[in-house]
């Protein structure tokens, strides 16, 4: 009788352990599925002739603050839930502010897909003395590409952003300060 009772206890403990293990792995599966509903971006902030001290990255979604990052190191990762538009504003006092747009909308049926990790370098240039340079549009844009079936940087926006920056640098260099 004692042996049957011990066998009964051991079987119950094994069953309980099995249920706990099953719950653990099913919860991990749910977490993994939720993570697949995000876009992961690694950004590298560079400060021309400066350091990251007092720099800030503000991310807005639907015009509201989503996240503020104090980039104490040059690389940082951001996970963005799908189905929204985000604006990343890179700023540092004394430097030209830059904006990058990210649209995480995907076609129906792709919401649970995994997407390649995206990387980008953003460099802030020194604000010329006596002038305030602002860019009216984002200097880069990331969105879902139906052709590539993944997220891709928009080459036209990047090219336009590069042209805006180049034009401002030329204007700054062609208007040297006169010493009095």
C-alpha atoms as a PDB file:
ATOM      1  CA  UNK A   1       0.000   0.000   0.000  1.00  0.00           C
ATOM      2  CA  UNK A   2       2.847   2.338   0.892  1.00  0.00           C
ATOM      3  CA  UNK A   3       4.514   1.664  -2.501  1.00  0.00           C
ATOM      4  CA  UNK A   4       1.313   2.490  -4.395  1.00  0.00           C
ATOM      5  CA  UNK A   5       0.968   5.726  -2.466  1.00  0.00           C
ATOM      6  CA  UNK A   6       4.601   6.705  -3.315  1.00  0.00           C
ATOM      7  CA  UNK A   7       4.047   5.846  -6.976  1.00  0.00           C
ATOM      8  CA  UNK A   8       0.884   7.979  -6.948  1.00  0.00           C
ATOM      9  CA  UNK A   9       2.792  10.968  -5.443  1.00  0.00           C
ATOM     10  CA  UNK A  10       5.666  10.581  -7.918  1.00  0.00           C
ATOM     11  CA  UNK A  11       3.275  10.413 -10.903  1.00  0.00           C
ATOM     12  CA  UNK A  12       1.433  13.529  -9.655  1.00  0.00           C
ATOM     13  CA  UNK A  13       4.716  15.439  -9.262  1.00  0.00           C
ATOM     14  CA  UNK A  14       5.884  14.378 -12.716  1.00  0.00           C
ATOM     15  CA  UNK A  15       2.538  15.469 -14.197  1.00  0.00           C
ATOM     16  CA  UNK A  16       2.757  18.832 -12.387  1.00  0.00           C
ATOM     17  CA  UNK A  17       6.319  19.309 -13.616  1.00  0.00           C
ATOM     18  CA  UNK A  18       5.256  18.409 -17.151  1.00  0.00           C
ATOM     19  CA  UNK A  19       2.420  20.974 -17.006  1.00  0.00           C
ATOM     20  CA  UNK A  20       4.824  23.674 -15.733  1.00  0.00           C
ATOM     21  CA  UNK A  21       7.305  22.923 -18.508  1.00  0.00           C
ATOM     22  CA  UNK A  22       4.511  22.999 -21.084  1.00  0.00           C
ATOM     23  CA  UNK A  23       3.267  26.360 -19.756  1.00  0.00           C
ATOM     24  CA  UNK A  24       6.781  27.790 -19.818  1.00  0.00           C
ATOM     25  CA  UNK A  25       7.432  26.840 -23.432  1.00  0.00           C
ATOM     26  CA  UNK A  26       3.992  27.937 -24.615  1.00  0.00           C
ATOM     27  CA  UNK A  27       4.474  31.341 -22.955  1.00  0.00           C
ATOM     28  CA  UNK A  28       7.884  31.652 -24.643  1.00  0.00           C
ATOM     29  CA  UNK A  29       6.207  30.876 -27.968  1.00  0.00           C
ATOM     30  CA  UNK A  30       3.615  33.609 -27.371  1.00  0.00           C
ATOM     31  CA  UNK A  31       6.350  36.109 -26.470  1.00  0.00           C
ATOM     32  CA  UNK A  32       8.295  35.195 -29.617  1.00  0.00           C
ATOM     33  CA  UNK A  33       5.165  35.715 -31.734  1.00  0.00           C
ATOM     34  CA  UNK A  34       4.585  39.127 -30.151  1.00  0.00           C
ATOM     35  CA  UNK A  35       8.189  40.128 -30.849  1.00  0.00           C
ATOM     36  CA  UNK A  36       7.706  39.265 -34.522  1.00  0.00           C
ATOM     37  CA  UNK A  37       5.162  42.103 -34.669  1.00  0.00           C
ATOM     38  CA  UNK A  38       7.976  44.635 -34.431  1.00  0.00           C
ATOM     39  CA  UNK A  39      10.629  46.184 -36.594  1.00  0.00           C
ATOM     40  CA  UNK A  40      14.108  46.272 -35.078  1.00  0.00           C
ATOM     41  CA  UNK A  41      16.353  49.177 -36.034  1.00  0.00           C
ATOM     42  CA  UNK A  42      19.952  49.753 -34.971  1.00  0.00           C
ATOM     43  CA  UNK A  43      21.015  53.371 -35.261  1.00  0.00           C
ATOM     44  CA  UNK A  44      24.468  54.857 -34.983  1.00  0.00           C
ATOM     45  CA  UNK A  45      24.610  58.519 -34.045  1.00  0.00           C
ATOM     46  CA  UNK A  46      27.727  60.452 -35.014  1.00  0.00           C
ATOM     47  CA  UNK A  47      28.484  64.004 -33.947  1.00  0.00           C
ATOM     48  CA  UNK A  48      30.776  65.844 -36.364  1.00  0.00           C
ATOM     49  CA  UNK A  49      33.834  67.063 -34.437  1.00  0.00           C
ATOM     50  CA  UNK A  50      32.080  66.338 -31.159  1.00  0.00           C
ATOM     51  CA  UNK A  51      30.843  63.718 -28.739  1.00  0.00           C
ATOM     52  CA  UNK A  52      27.443  62.323 -27.780  1.00  0.00           C
ATOM     53  CA  UNK A  53      27.237  64.340 -24.553  1.00  0.00           C
ATOM     54  CA  UNK A  54      23.951  66.298 -24.403  1.00  0.00           C
ATOM     55  CA  UNK A  55      22.621  64.719 -27.603  1.00  0.00           C
ATOM     56  CA  UNK A  56      19.086  63.331 -27.704  1.00  0.00           C
ATOM     57  CA  UNK A  57      16.904  61.204 -29.935  1.00  0.00           C
ATOM     58  CA  UNK A  58      13.155  61.725 -29.664  1.00  0.00           C
ATOM     59  CA  UNK A  59      10.779  59.253 -31.295  1.00  0.00           C
ATOM     60  CA  UNK A  60       7.177  60.303 -31.869  1.00  0.00           C
ATOM     61  CA  UNK A  61       4.229  58.190 -32.989  1.00  0.00           C
ATOM     62  CA  UNK A  62       1.016  59.812 -34.197  1.00  0.00           C
ATOM     63  CA  UNK A  63       2.415  63.169 -33.102  1.00  0.00           C
ATOM     64  CA  UNK A  64       2.847  61.998 -29.505  1.00  0.00           C
ATOM     65  CA  UNK A  65       6.088  61.139 -27.696  1.00  0.00           C
ATOM     66  CA  UNK A  66       6.854  57.429 -28.005  1.00  0.00           C
ATOM     67  CA  UNK A  67      10.389  57.193 -26.658  1.00  0.00           C
ATOM     68  CA  UNK A  68      13.282  59.463 -25.725  1.00  0.00           C
ATOM     69  CA  UNK A  69      16.805  58.119 -25.971  1.00  0.00           C
ATOM     70  CA  UNK A  70      19.922  59.577 -24.402  1.00  0.00           C
ATOM     71  CA  UNK A  71      22.504  57.945 -26.656  1.00  0.00           C
ATOM     72  CA  UNK A  72      25.359  57.484 -24.185  1.00  0.00           C
ATOM     73  CA  UNK A  73      26.963  55.184 -26.747  1.00  0.00           C
ATOM     74  CA  UNK A  74      26.954  55.598 -30.495  1.00  0.00           C
ATOM     75  CA  UNK A  75      24.864  52.470 -31.305  1.00  0.00           C
ATOM     76  CA  UNK A  76      21.382  51.887 -29.958  1.00  0.00           C
ATOM     77  CA  UNK A  77      18.532  49.550 -30.868  1.00  0.00           C
ATOM     78  CA  UNK A  78      14.861  50.385 -31.086  1.00  0.00           C
ATOM     79  CA  UNK A  79      11.938  47.966 -31.480  1.00  0.00           C
ATOM     80  CA  UNK A  80       8.959  49.575 -33.191  1.00  0.00           C
ATOM     81  CA  UNK A  81       5.508  47.969 -33.162  1.00  0.00           C
ATOM     82  CA  UNK A  82       4.069  47.503 -36.645  1.00  0.00           C
ATOM     83  CA  UNK A  83       1.222  49.592 -38.006  1.00  0.00           C
ATOM     84  CA  UNK A  84       2.387  53.133 -37.208  1.00  0.00           C
ATOM     85  CA  UNK A  85       4.438  56.023 -38.504  1.00  0.00           C
ATOM     86  CA  UNK A  86       7.357  57.279 -36.424  1.00  0.00           C
ATOM     87  CA  UNK A  87       9.569  60.335 -36.591  1.00  0.00           C
ATOM     88  CA  UNK A  88      13.068  60.123 -35.137  1.00  0.00           C
ATOM     89  CA  UNK A  89      14.443  63.565 -34.278  1.00  0.00           C
ATOM     90  CA  UNK A  90      18.197  63.689 -33.678  1.00  0.00           C
ATOM     91  CA  UNK A  91      19.389  66.826 -31.912  1.00  0.00           C
ATOM     92  CA  UNK A  92      22.236  68.362 -30.013  1.00  0.00           C
ATOM     93  CA  UNK A  93      22.669  72.010 -29.046  1.00  0.00           C
ATOM     94  CA  UNK A  94      24.922  73.730 -31.580  1.00  0.00           C
ATOM     95  CA  UNK A  95      24.256  71.127 -34.276  1.00  0.00           C
ATOM     96  CA  UNK A  96      21.795  70.825 -37.165  1.00  0.00           C
ATOM     97  CA  UNK A  97      18.743  68.759 -36.164  1.00  0.00           C
ATOM     98  CA  UNK A  98      17.861  65.881 -38.482  1.00  0.00           C
ATOM     99  CA  UNK A  99      14.642  63.903 -38.816  1.00  0.00           C
ATOM    100  CA  UNK A 100      14.203  60.350 -40.095  1.00  0.00           C
ATOM    101  CA  UNK A 101      10.755  58.901 -40.833  1.00  0.00           C
ATOM    102  CA  UNK A 102       9.874  55.237 -40.334  1.00  0.00           C
ATOM    103  CA  UNK A 103       6.565  53.775 -41.525  1.00  0.00           C
ATOM    104  CA  UNK A 104       5.929  50.306 -40.067  1.00  0.00           C
ATOM    105  CA  UNK A 105       2.698  49.562 -41.953  1.00  0.00           C
ATOM    106  CA  UNK A 106       2.828  46.206 -43.737  1.00  0.00           C
ATOM    107  CA  UNK A 107       0.413  44.490 -46.147  1.00  0.00           C
ATOM    108  CA  UNK A 108      -2.346  42.369 -44.657  1.00  0.00           C
ATOM    109  CA  UNK A 109      -1.046  38.907 -43.870  1.00  0.00           C
ATOM    110  CA  UNK A 110       2.525  40.082 -43.194  1.00  0.00           C
ATOM    111  CA  UNK A 111       1.854  41.303 -39.636  1.00  0.00           C
ATOM    112  CA  UNK A 112       3.336  38.168 -38.040  1.00  0.00           C
ATOM    113  CA  UNK A 113       6.353  37.987 -40.363  1.00  0.00           C
ATOM    114  CA  UNK A 114       9.916  38.452 -39.258  1.00  0.00           C
ATOM    115  CA  UNK A 115      11.796  41.252 -40.952  1.00  0.00           C
ATOM    116  CA  UNK A 116      15.505  41.846 -41.435  1.00  0.00           C
ATOM    117  CA  UNK A 117      17.129  44.089 -38.866  1.00  0.00           C
ATOM    118  CA  UNK A 118      17.711  47.565 -40.272  1.00  0.00           C
ATOM    119  CA  UNK A 119      20.772  49.743 -39.650  1.00  0.00           C
ATOM    120  CA  UNK A 120      21.480  53.391 -40.263  1.00  0.00           C
ATOM    121  CA  UNK A 121      24.120  55.996 -39.449  1.00  0.00           C
ATOM    122  CA  UNK A 122      23.007  59.529 -38.658  1.00  0.00           C
ATOM    123  CA  UNK A 123      25.584  62.324 -38.458  1.00  0.00           C
ATOM    124  CA  UNK A 124      24.827  65.719 -36.987  1.00  0.00           C
ATOM    125  CA  UNK A 125      26.782  68.626 -38.479  1.00  0.00           C
ATOM    126  CA  UNK A 126      27.771  71.778 -36.640  1.00  0.00           C
ATOM    127  CA  UNK A 127      25.241  74.620 -36.907  1.00  0.00           C
ATOM    128  CA  UNK A 128      27.083  77.506 -38.625  1.00  0.00           C
ATOM    129  CA  UNK A 129      27.522  80.613 -36.522  1.00  0.00           C
ATOM    130  CA  UNK A 130      25.018  83.332 -37.308  1.00  0.00           C
ATOM    131  CA  UNK A 131      22.684  81.004 -39.238  1.00  0.00           C
ATOM    132  CA  UNK A 132      19.968  78.551 -38.301  1.00  0.00           C
ATOM    133  CA  UNK A 133      19.751  75.604 -40.666  1.00  0.00           C
ATOM    134  CA  UNK A 134      16.646  73.441 -40.529  1.00  0.00           C
ATOM    135  CA  UNK A 135      15.605  70.754 -42.961  1.00  0.00           C
ATOM    136  CA  UNK A 136      11.928  70.990 -43.940  1.00  0.00           C
ATOM    137  CA  UNK A 137      11.702  67.251 -44.666  1.00  0.00           C
ATOM    138  CA  UNK A 138      13.155  64.078 -43.221  1.00  0.00           C
ATOM    139  CA  UNK A 139      16.660  63.321 -44.474  1.00  0.00           C
ATOM    140  CA  UNK A 140      15.862  59.593 -44.670  1.00  0.00           C
ATOM    141  CA  UNK A 141      12.776  57.362 -44.769  1.00  0.00           C
ATOM    142  CA  UNK A 142      12.250  53.671 -44.042  1.00  0.00           C
ATOM    143  CA  UNK A 143       9.094  51.818 -45.083  1.00  0.00           C
ATOM    144  CA  UNK A 144       7.868  48.436 -46.290  1.00  0.00           C
ATOM    145  CA  UNK A 145       8.804  47.659 -49.901  1.00  0.00           C
ATOM    146  CA  UNK A 146       6.332  45.416 -51.703  1.00  0.00           C
ATOM    147  CA  UNK A 147       8.992  44.639 -54.322  1.00  0.00           C
ATOM    148  CA  UNK A 148      11.566  43.542 -51.700  1.00  0.00           C
ATOM    149  CA  UNK A 149       8.959  42.034 -49.334  1.00  0.00           C
ATOM    150  CA  UNK A 150      10.799  43.686 -46.457  1.00  0.00           C
ATOM    151  CA  UNK A 151      11.565  47.127 -45.115  1.00  0.00           C
ATOM    152  CA  UNK A 152      13.892  49.285 -47.204  1.00  0.00           C
ATOM    153  CA  UNK A 153      15.356  52.767 -47.075  1.00  0.00           C
ATOM    154  CA  UNK A 154      13.775  55.066 -49.661  1.00  0.00           C
ATOM    155  CA  UNK A 155      16.588  55.999 -52.051  1.00  0.00           C
ATOM    156  CA  UNK A 156      14.736  59.095 -53.346  1.00  0.00           C
ATOM    157  CA  UNK A 157      14.263  60.566 -49.872  1.00  0.00           C
ATOM    158  CA  UNK A 158      17.882  59.763 -48.977  1.00  0.00           C
ATOM    159  CA  UNK A 159      19.089  61.400 -52.187  1.00  0.00           C
ATOM    160  CA  UNK A 160      16.947  64.476 -51.544  1.00  0.00           C
ATOM    161  CA  UNK A 161      18.194  64.614 -47.948  1.00  0.00           C
ATOM    162  CA  UNK A 162      21.785  64.382 -49.132  1.00  0.00           C
ATOM    163  CA  UNK A 163      21.185  67.208 -51.634  1.00  0.00           C
ATOM    164  CA  UNK A 164      19.650  69.428 -48.892  1.00  0.00           C
ATOM    165  CA  UNK A 165      22.650  68.821 -46.651  1.00  0.00           C
ATOM    166  CA  UNK A 166      25.170  69.371 -49.450  1.00  0.00           C
ATOM    167  CA  UNK A 167      23.469  72.624 -50.471  1.00  0.00           C
ATOM    168  CA  UNK A 168      23.596  73.954 -46.906  1.00  0.00           C
ATOM    169  CA  UNK A 169      27.283  73.039 -46.592  1.00  0.00           C
ATOM    170  CA  UNK A 170      28.043  74.848 -49.862  1.00  0.00           C
ATOM    171  CA  UNK A 171      26.077  77.913 -48.713  1.00  0.00           C
ATOM    172  CA  UNK A 172      27.960  77.914 -45.427  1.00  0.00           C
ATOM    173  CA  UNK A 173      31.348  77.561 -47.142  1.00  0.00           C
ATOM    174  CA  UNK A 174      30.574  80.222 -49.771  1.00  0.00           C
ATOM    175  CA  UNK A 175      29.565  82.782 -47.112  1.00  0.00           C
ATOM    176  CA  UNK A 176      32.639  82.968 -44.899  1.00  0.00           C
ATOM    177  CA  UNK A 177      32.409  85.270 -41.915  1.00  0.00           C
ATOM    178  CA  UNK A 178      34.213  88.533 -42.356  1.00  0.00           C
ATOM    179  CA  UNK A 179      36.431  89.490 -39.452  1.00  0.00           C
ATOM    180  CA  UNK A 180      36.068  93.040 -38.201  1.00  0.00           C
END
